[in-house]
Amino acid sequence: MRRSLTGLLAAEAISLLGSRITFVALPWLVLTSTGSALLAGVAGFAEMLPYVLAGLLGGPIVDRVGPRPTAVAADTASLLAVAGIPLLASTETISYSTLLGLIAVAGALRGFGDTAKRALLPRVIAGAGLSTERGTTLYDGISRVATLLGLPLAGLLVAAVGPARVLLVDAATFGVCALIISIYVTAGSTGQETAEDEESGYAAALWCGFRYVRQDRLIVGIMSMLFATNLFDQAYATVFVPVWVRDGPHGPAALGVLGSAFGVGAVAGNILWTVIGPRVPRRVTFAVCFLIGGPAQLLALALTDRLWAVLAIAALAGALMSTINPILLAAVYERVPIRMQGRVMSVLIAFSWAGIPLGGVLGGWAVEDLGLRTAALLAGIGYLVVTLSPFLFSTWHALDEHRVIRKSGARALATVE
């Protein structure tokens, strides 16, 4: 079953590489073609709102049909949708609203695909015989490497051939991802629903996911915190950074260099976390790293124009933030029964990412009305306030609960033997 894990990680690496390229190319395409930071933010909204909704509504489908066939179908359709964006943009007669519509379709399909892959992950981790924490760290490491390679590559490609043609690379990666999963990944080919789920129908299955989330205070806390931080991160990535680059002397290649600095730090942090993660407390690590690493890049844009300083802070932030996803994914996967993970993860991701569509729009509005420095400073302060919550609320102690249970079980087993 390690073949399935290797296949999923390889497919995700290729798909994420393309997505990181689009993450740079799409807002730059809109910003340079319209000259408006607000419209660039609206384009991000048009992609991420369908992404969030599709991820939410797709959870029961993933649990019933199975995450593997859902992922393959969504990635195949994404190939066509993403390829259509640059093809239509190349015709001078296309309207901005039509372009937004195609961006929305691509976002919805990616939402279905990502929900399926997140439900597929714990199955292939279990089949490979790895601990949940080690498996989620490997998965997050793939994402960090894709960021490290994809963002500077995107900056170079955008500077060389323009953002429209660069989007074709992302389209191709979806096709390769679908092919790899269909050939190499065998886990998750069927759903995990019980007979009760089968008889209750789609609406009841969706509500079951909501009910489970509502009763778990830690998951509610995670959703609330990530809603706000994802909003700030989206404003930073899709509006603040492109405007900072456009108004500075560095050129579009700086888009990729800045992302590369974050990626270098994130990969280094991920490697370190793979070694020390099982030995350190989750909650304290999560709280300290999020408090320092989250607001750092926003405050850097607000306080300095020096590229070397912004790059250094981005690298530090990447190293600190590399601990966040492995900790949260491991904690959630340990708490949720496998037959419900599609629904629960879809609700968790949908609410956590609901701030992303708003982030681009609010970021664009703030830049145009307040200026880049003031907008970035306010966002950094807001980020700082939100990330104080793990220090203030006892709910976050539950991050360490299952680790304590496993250690107690191991001691009991050793006593019996």
Protein backbone atom coordinates (compact mmCIF):
# COMPACT_ATOMS: atom_id res chain seq x y z
CA MET A 1 0.00 0.00 0.00
CA ARG A 2 3.03 2.32 0.09
CA ARG A 3 2.54 2.46 -3.69
CA SER A 4 -0.74 4.29 -3.10
CA LEU A 5 0.87 6.81 -0.75
CA THR A 6 3.74 7.41 -3.17
CA GLY A 7 1.27 7.84 -6.02
CA LEU A 8 -0.90 10.30 -4.09
CA LEU A 9 2.10 12.34 -2.98
CA ALA A 10 3.49 12.44 -6.53
CA ALA A 11 0.15 13.46 -7.99
CA GLU A 12 -0.34 16.13 -5.38
CA ALA A 13 3.18 17.47 -5.95
CA ILE A 14 2.52 17.91 -9.67
CA SER A 15 -0.94 19.39 -9.17
CA LEU A 16 0.25 21.81 -6.48
CA LEU A 17 3.16 22.89 -8.66
CA GLY A 18 0.66 23.97 -11.32
CA SER A 19 -1.62 25.60 -8.77
CA ARG A 20 1.25 27.66 -7.35
CA ILE A 21 2.03 28.88 -10.85
CA THR A 22 -1.59 29.93 -11.33
CA PHE A 23 -1.56 31.56 -7.89
CA VAL A 24 0.98 34.03 -9.26
CA ALA A 25 -0.14 34.24 -12.89
CA LEU A 26 -3.89 34.78 -12.46
CA PRO A 27 -3.89 37.92 -10.27
CA TRP A 28 -1.01 39.33 -12.32
CA LEU A 29 -3.02 38.74 -15.52
CA VAL A 30 -6.00 40.66 -14.14
CA LEU A 31 -3.91 43.40 -12.50
CA THR A 32 -1.89 44.15 -15.64
CA SER A 33 -4.85 43.90 -18.02
CA THR A 34 -7.21 46.08 -15.96
CA GLY A 35 -4.83 48.17 -13.85
CA SER A 36 -7.13 47.70 -10.85
CA ALA A 37 -6.15 46.11 -7.55
CA LEU A 38 -9.85 45.78 -6.72
CA LEU A 39 -10.58 43.77 -9.89
CA ALA A 40 -7.61 41.54 -9.14
CA GLY A 41 -9.18 40.87 -5.75
CA VAL A 42 -12.56 40.20 -7.39
CA ALA A 43 -10.91 37.58 -9.63
CA GLY A 44 -9.61 35.85 -6.50
CA PHE A 45 -13.13 36.01 -5.05
CA ALA A 46 -14.55 34.49 -8.24
CA GLU A 47 -12.20 31.53 -7.92
CA MET A 48 -12.32 30.91 -4.19
CA LEU A 49 -16.04 31.29 -3.43
CA PRO A 50 -16.98 28.39 -5.77
CA TYR A 51 -13.98 26.49 -4.40
CA VAL A 52 -15.31 26.79 -0.86
CA LEU A 53 -18.91 25.97 -1.80
CA ALA A 54 -17.95 22.99 -3.96
CA GLY A 55 -15.75 21.62 -1.19
CA LEU A 56 -18.61 21.95 1.29
CA LEU A 57 -21.28 20.39 -0.92
CA GLY A 58 -18.97 17.70 -2.24
CA GLY A 59 -18.29 16.03 1.11
CA PRO A 60 -21.27 13.63 1.06
CA ILE A 61 -20.50 12.78 -2.58
CA VAL A 62 -16.91 11.91 -1.68
CA ASP A 63 -18.06 9.67 1.19
CA ARG A 64 -20.63 7.90 -1.00
CA VAL A 65 -18.79 7.56 -4.32
CA GLY A 66 -15.29 7.28 -2.87
CA PRO A 67 -12.46 9.83 -2.80
CA ARG A 68 -10.38 8.21 -5.56
CA PRO A 69 -12.94 8.34 -8.42
CA THR A 70 -14.06 11.79 -7.29
CA ALA A 71 -10.50 13.10 -7.42
CA VAL A 72 -9.85 11.65 -10.87
CA ALA A 73 -13.07 13.06 -12.33
CA ALA A 74 -12.54 16.52 -10.81
CA ASP A 75 -8.94 16.79 -12.02
CA THR A 76 -9.89 15.70 -15.54
CA ALA A 77 -12.58 18.37 -15.73
CA SER A 78 -10.18 20.94 -14.24
CA LEU A 79 -7.79 20.37 -17.14
CA LEU A 80 -10.44 21.63 -19.56
CA ALA A 81 -11.62 24.53 -17.40
CA VAL A 82 -8.17 25.94 -16.59
CA ALA A 83 -7.01 25.58 -20.20
CA GLY A 84 -10.03 27.62 -21.28
CA ILE A 85 -8.98 30.68 -19.24
CA PRO A 86 -5.89 31.64 -21.31
CA LEU A 87 -7.54 30.52 -24.55
CA LEU A 88 -10.47 32.86 -24.00
CA ALA A 89 -8.28 35.62 -22.58
CA SER A 90 -6.25 35.59 -25.79
CA THR A 91 -9.31 36.77 -27.73
CA GLU A 92 -9.61 40.53 -27.34
CA THR A 93 -13.41 40.39 -27.50
CA ILE A 94 -13.91 38.44 -24.25
CA SER A 95 -15.57 40.39 -21.46
CA TYR A 96 -14.28 40.54 -17.92
CA SER A 97 -17.48 38.93 -16.62
CA THR A 98 -17.10 35.94 -18.96
CA LEU A 99 -13.53 35.46 -17.78
CA LEU A 100 -14.72 35.54 -14.18
CA GLY A 101 -17.30 32.87 -14.98
CA LEU A 102 -14.66 30.48 -16.28
CA ILE A 103 -12.43 31.23 -13.30
CA ALA A 104 -15.39 30.32 -11.06
CA VAL A 105 -15.90 26.97 -12.83
CA ALA A 106 -12.21 26.15 -12.44
CA GLY A 107 -12.38 27.04 -8.73
CA ALA A 108 -15.41 24.81 -8.15
CA LEU A 109 -13.79 21.81 -9.82
CA ARG A 110 -10.61 22.28 -7.83
CA GLY A 111 -12.72 22.41 -4.66
CA PHE A 112 -14.24 18.99 -5.43
CA GLY A 113 -10.82 17.55 -6.22
CA ASP A 114 -9.10 18.87 -3.11
CA THR A 115 -11.91 17.63 -0.84
CA ALA A 116 -11.54 14.16 -2.34
CA LYS A 117 -7.76 14.12 -1.89
CA ARG A 118 -8.01 15.20 1.74
CA ALA A 119 -10.43 12.32 2.39
CA LEU A 120 -8.12 9.97 0.49
CA LEU A 121 -5.04 10.92 2.51
CA PRO A 122 -5.78 9.11 5.83
CA ARG A 123 -6.66 5.93 3.91
CA VAL A 124 -3.33 5.78 2.10
CA ILE A 125 -1.44 6.78 5.26
CA ALA A 126 -3.04 3.89 7.15
CA GLY A 127 -2.37 1.51 4.28
CA ALA A 128 1.29 2.52 4.24
CA GLY A 129 1.63 1.75 7.96
CA LEU A 130 2.65 5.31 8.94
CA SER A 131 1.49 7.32 11.93
CA THR A 132 -1.02 10.06 11.18
CA GLU A 133 1.44 12.73 12.26
CA ARG A 134 4.26 11.43 10.05
CA GLY A 135 1.94 11.02 7.07
CA THR A 136 0.45 14.51 7.31
CA THR A 137 3.95 15.97 7.68
CA LEU A 138 5.01 14.25 4.44
CA TYR A 139 1.89 15.54 2.72
CA ASP A 140 2.52 19.08 3.91
CA GLY A 141 6.16 18.77 2.87
CA ILE A 142 5.03 18.10 -0.70
CA SER A 143 3.03 21.31 -0.58
CA ARG A 144 6.04 23.25 0.70
CA VAL A 145 8.32 21.90 -2.03
CA ALA A 146 5.70 22.80 -4.65
CA THR A 147 5.65 26.33 -3.26
CA LEU A 148 9.42 26.51 -3.28
CA LEU A 149 9.64 25.46 -6.94
CA GLY A 150 6.35 26.75 -8.32
CA LEU A 151 6.42 30.38 -7.23
CA PRO A 152 9.85 31.34 -8.61
CA LEU A 153 9.12 29.32 -11.76
CA ALA A 154 5.88 31.25 -12.11
CA GLY A 155 7.67 34.57 -11.77
CA LEU A 156 10.17 33.60 -14.47
CA LEU A 157 7.51 32.25 -16.82
CA VAL A 158 5.25 35.27 -16.37
CA ALA A 159 8.17 37.57 -17.16
CA ALA A 160 9.17 35.45 -20.19
CA VAL A 161 5.90 34.52 -21.91
CA GLY A 162 3.15 36.42 -20.08
CA PRO A 163 0.58 35.21 -17.53
CA ALA A 164 -2.01 33.88 -20.01
CA ARG A 165 0.25 31.21 -21.51
CA VAL A 166 1.55 30.22 -18.10
CA LEU A 167 -1.94 29.04 -17.11
CA LEU A 168 -1.68 26.26 -19.70
CA VAL A 169 1.02 24.68 -17.54
CA ASP A 170 -1.44 24.40 -14.65
CA ALA A 171 -4.02 22.81 -16.96
CA ALA A 172 -1.53 20.12 -17.98
CA THR A 173 -0.68 19.31 -14.35
CA PHE A 174 -4.32 18.47 -13.60
CA GLY A 175 -4.29 15.89 -16.40
CA VAL A 176 -1.08 14.29 -15.13
CA CYS A 177 -2.46 14.22 -11.58
CA ALA A 178 -5.65 12.43 -12.69
CA LEU A 179 -3.60 9.87 -14.61
CA ILE A 180 -1.28 9.09 -11.68
CA ILE A 181 -4.13 8.64 -9.18
CA SER A 182 -6.09 6.40 -11.55
CA ILE A 183 -3.06 4.13 -12.09
CA TYR A 184 -1.15 4.05 -8.80
CA VAL A 185 -3.66 4.83 -6.01
CA THR A 186 -5.94 1.95 -5.05
CA ALA A 187 -7.26 3.07 -1.65
CA GLY A 188 -10.51 5.01 -1.49
CA SER A 189 -12.02 3.49 -4.65
CA THR A 190 -15.38 3.09 -2.91
CA GLY A 191 -17.29 5.03 -0.28
CA GLN A 192 -17.33 4.24 3.45
CA GLU A 193 -20.95 5.01 4.29
CA THR A 194 -23.06 2.82 6.55
CA ALA A 195 -26.49 1.51 5.57
CA GLU A 196 -28.04 4.33 7.62
CA ASP A 197 -26.13 6.93 5.60
CA GLU A 198 -27.13 5.25 2.36
CA GLU A 199 -30.84 5.37 3.21
CA SER A 200 -30.88 8.90 4.64
CA GLY A 201 -29.94 10.71 1.43
CA TYR A 202 -27.65 13.56 0.48
CA ALA A 203 -29.14 16.31 2.66
CA ALA A 204 -29.05 14.19 5.81
CA ALA A 205 -25.48 13.11 5.08
CA LEU A 206 -24.44 16.75 4.68
CA TRP A 207 -26.20 17.71 7.91
CA CYS A 208 -24.44 14.84 9.68
CA GLY A 209 -21.13 16.51 8.89
CA PHE A 210 -22.38 19.85 10.24
CA ARG A 211 -23.65 18.20 13.42
CA TYR A 212 -20.38 16.42 14.08
CA VAL A 213 -18.39 19.63 13.64
CA ARG A 214 -20.74 21.65 15.83
CA GLN A 215 -20.26 19.24 18.74
CA ASP A 216 -16.44 19.36 18.62
CA ARG A 217 -15.15 22.54 20.25
CA LEU A 218 -11.62 22.11 18.94
CA ILE A 219 -12.77 21.86 15.33
CA VAL A 220 -14.99 24.92 15.84
CA GLY A 221 -11.97 26.78 17.20
CA ILE A 222 -9.81 25.71 14.26
CA MET A 223 -12.45 26.86 11.77
CA SER A 224 -12.91 30.23 13.44
CA MET A 225 -9.21 30.97 13.63
CA LEU A 226 -8.43 29.85 10.08
CA PHE A 227 -11.35 31.86 8.68
CA ALA A 228 -9.63 35.06 9.80
CA THR A 229 -6.04 34.10 9.05
CA ASN A 230 -6.89 32.81 5.57
CA LEU A 231 -8.64 36.11 4.86
CA PHE A 232 -5.48 38.03 5.73
CA ASP A 233 -3.25 35.58 3.83
CA GLN A 234 -5.36 35.92 0.68
CA ALA A 235 -5.22 39.70 0.81
CA TYR A 236 -1.44 39.47 1.20
CA ALA A 237 -0.89 37.02 -1.65
CA THR A 238 -3.34 38.21 -4.29
CA VAL A 239 -3.34 41.97 -3.69
CA PHE A 240 -0.63 43.30 -1.37
CA VAL A 241 2.31 41.46 -2.95
CA PRO A 242 1.36 42.16 -6.61
CA VAL A 243 0.81 45.85 -5.79
CA TRP A 244 4.10 46.02 -3.84
CA VAL A 245 5.92 44.51 -6.83
CA ARG A 246 4.13 46.69 -9.39
CA ASP A 247 4.91 49.89 -7.49
CA GLY A 248 8.53 48.94 -6.75
CA PRO A 249 11.65 48.60 -8.88
CA HIS A 250 11.95 44.81 -8.71
CA GLY A 251 9.80 43.63 -11.66
CA PRO A 252 7.44 40.61 -11.90
CA ALA A 253 10.26 38.12 -11.20
CA ALA A 254 10.14 39.39 -7.59
CA LEU A 255 6.75 37.68 -7.28
CA GLY A 256 8.48 34.33 -7.58
CA VAL A 257 11.54 35.28 -5.53
CA LEU A 258 9.38 36.30 -2.59
CA GLY A 259 7.45 33.04 -2.76
CA SER A 260 10.71 31.13 -3.09
CA ALA A 261 12.05 32.65 0.12
CA PHE A 262 8.94 31.52 1.98
CA GLY A 263 9.25 28.11 0.35
CA VAL A 264 12.89 27.65 1.37
CA GLY A 265 12.02 28.38 4.96
CA ALA A 266 8.95 26.12 4.81
CA VAL A 267 10.86 23.15 3.38
CA ALA A 268 13.60 23.52 6.01
CA GLY A 269 10.97 23.80 8.74
CA ASN A 270 9.10 20.77 7.43
CA ILE A 271 12.25 18.64 7.47
CA LEU A 272 12.98 19.72 11.04
CA TRP A 273 9.38 19.07 12.11
CA THR A 274 9.52 15.55 10.64
CA VAL A 275 12.34 14.81 13.09
CA ILE A 276 11.21 16.64 16.23
CA GLY A 277 7.42 16.74 15.75
CA PRO A 278 6.58 13.58 17.74
CA ARG A 279 8.72 14.82 20.66
CA VAL A 280 7.30 18.31 21.25
CA PRO A 281 3.86 19.44 22.48
CA ARG A 282 1.50 20.29 19.65
CA ARG A 283 -0.42 23.15 21.26
CA VAL A 284 2.57 25.20 22.41
CA THR A 285 4.36 24.71 19.09
CA PHE A 286 1.25 25.62 17.12
CA ALA A 287 0.52 28.71 19.21
CA VAL A 288 4.04 30.17 19.17
CA CYS A 289 4.71 29.48 15.49
CA PHE A 290 1.36 30.90 14.34
CA LEU A 291 1.68 34.02 16.51
CA ILE A 292 5.13 34.89 15.15
CA GLY A 293 5.04 33.48 11.63
CA GLY A 294 1.53 34.50 10.61
CA PRO A 295 1.64 38.33 10.83
CA ALA A 296 5.34 38.66 9.96
CA GLN A 297 5.07 39.01 6.18
CA LEU A 298 2.22 41.53 6.39
CA LEU A 299 4.15 43.70 8.81
CA ALA A 300 7.23 43.49 6.60
CA LEU A 301 5.38 44.94 3.60
CA ALA A 302 4.00 47.68 5.82
CA LEU A 303 7.29 48.69 7.40
CA THR A 304 10.01 48.36 4.76
CA ASP A 305 10.71 48.59 1.02
CA ARG A 306 13.99 46.69 1.22
CA LEU A 307 13.78 43.43 -0.73
CA TRP A 308 16.39 41.62 1.36
CA ALA A 309 14.48 42.33 4.57
CA VAL A 310 11.16 41.17 3.12
CA LEU A 311 12.84 38.00 1.81
CA ALA A 312 14.47 37.22 5.16
CA ILE A 313 11.19 37.65 7.01
CA ALA A 314 9.39 35.50 4.42
CA ALA A 315 11.92 32.69 4.98
CA LEU A 316 11.48 32.89 8.76
CA ALA A 317 7.70 32.90 8.39
CA GLY A 318 7.86 29.86 6.12
CA ALA A 319 9.89 27.89 8.65
CA LEU A 320 7.49 28.71 11.48
CA MET A 321 4.30 28.16 9.48
CA SER A 322 5.46 24.75 8.23
CA THR A 323 4.34 23.26 11.56
CA ILE A 324 0.72 24.46 11.34
CA ASN A 325 -0.87 22.16 8.75
CA PRO A 326 0.70 18.88 9.99
CA ILE A 327 -0.46 19.60 13.54
CA LEU A 328 -4.02 20.49 12.52
CA LEU A 329 -4.42 17.66 10.00
CA ALA A 330 -3.12 15.05 12.45
CA ALA A 331 -5.42 16.30 15.22
CA VAL A 332 -8.52 16.33 12.99
CA TYR A 333 -7.88 12.96 11.35
CA GLU A 334 -7.42 11.40 14.80
CA ARG A 335 -10.76 12.81 16.00
CA VAL A 336 -13.00 11.98 13.02
CA PRO A 337 -14.18 8.46 12.04
CA ILE A 338 -12.93 7.49 8.58
CA ARG A 339 -16.45 6.98 7.20
CA MET A 340 -17.27 10.63 7.96
CA GLN A 341 -14.03 12.29 6.98
CA GLY A 342 -15.26 13.48 3.60
CA ARG A 343 -18.21 15.32 5.14
CA VAL A 344 -16.42 16.64 8.22
CA MET A 345 -13.34 17.77 6.30
CA SER A 346 -15.54 19.48 3.70
CA VAL A 347 -17.34 21.47 6.43
CA LEU A 348 -14.05 22.27 8.18
CA ILE A 349 -12.31 23.40 5.00
CA ALA A 350 -15.35 25.30 3.71
CA PHE A 351 -15.67 27.45 6.83
CA SER A 352 -11.92 27.78 7.30
CA TRP A 353 -11.53 28.94 3.71
CA ALA A 354 -14.67 31.09 3.62
CA GLY A 355 -12.52 34.10 4.46
CA ILE A 356 -10.38 33.60 1.34
CA PRO A 357 -12.90 34.97 -1.19
CA LEU A 358 -13.39 38.00 1.04
CA GLY A 359 -9.66 38.51 1.53
CA GLY A 360 -8.93 39.50 -2.05
CA VAL A 361 -11.88 41.88 -2.28
CA LEU A 362 -11.26 43.53 1.10
CA GLY A 363 -7.55 43.70 0.39
CA GLY A 364 -8.15 45.39 -2.95
CA TRP A 365 -10.56 47.87 -1.38
CA ALA A 366 -8.15 48.63 1.47
CA VAL A 367 -5.22 49.27 -0.88
CA GLU A 368 -7.22 51.61 -3.10
CA ASP A 369 -8.74 53.57 -0.20
CA LEU A 370 -5.99 53.44 2.45
CA GLY A 371 -2.80 52.69 0.55
CA LEU A 372 -0.65 49.57 0.66
CA ARG A 373 1.28 50.34 3.84
CA THR A 374 -1.76 51.12 5.96
CA ALA A 375 -3.72 48.16 4.60
CA ALA A 376 -0.86 45.73 5.28
CA LEU A 377 -0.28 47.16 8.77
CA LEU A 378 -3.94 46.80 9.76
CA ALA A 379 -4.03 43.25 8.39
CA GLY A 380 -0.89 42.36 10.33
CA ILE A 381 -2.34 43.69 13.57
CA GLY A 382 -5.57 41.78 12.97
CA TYR A 383 -3.59 38.60 12.32
CA LEU A 384 -1.67 39.11 15.56
CA VAL A 385 -4.86 39.49 17.60
CA VAL A 386 -6.47 36.37 16.11
CA THR A 387 -3.44 34.15 16.73
CA LEU A 388 -3.49 34.93 20.45
CA SER A 389 -6.50 32.59 20.90
CA PRO A 390 -4.53 29.35 21.56
CA PHE A 391 -2.93 31.12 24.54
CA LEU A 392 -6.26 32.33 25.91
CA PHE A 393 -8.77 29.48 25.50
CA SER A 394 -8.53 26.02 27.10
CA THR A 395 -10.20 24.36 24.10
CA TRP A 396 -6.85 24.32 22.31
CA HIS A 397 -5.38 21.91 24.89
CA ALA A 398 -7.29 19.22 22.98
CA LEU A 399 -4.58 19.35 20.31
CA ASP A 400 -2.54 17.09 22.61
CA GLU A 401 -5.37 14.77 23.71
CA HIS A 402 -4.89 11.84 21.32
CA ARG A 403 -1.14 11.92 21.76
CA VAL A 404 -1.66 11.43 25.51
CA ILE A 405 -4.12 8.59 24.87
CA ARG A 406 -1.70 6.78 22.56
CA LYS A 407 1.15 7.11 25.08
CA SER A 408 -1.07 5.79 27.91
CA GLY A 409 -2.13 2.86 25.73
CA ALA A 410 1.47 2.03 24.93
CA ARG A 411 2.41 2.01 28.62
CA ALA A 412 -0.54 -0.25 29.44
CA LEU A 413 0.45 -2.66 26.68
CA ALA A 414 4.02 -2.76 27.94
CA THR A 415 2.77 -3.59 31.46
CA VAL A 416 0.63 -6.48 30.21
CA GLU A 417 3.48 -7.95 28.23
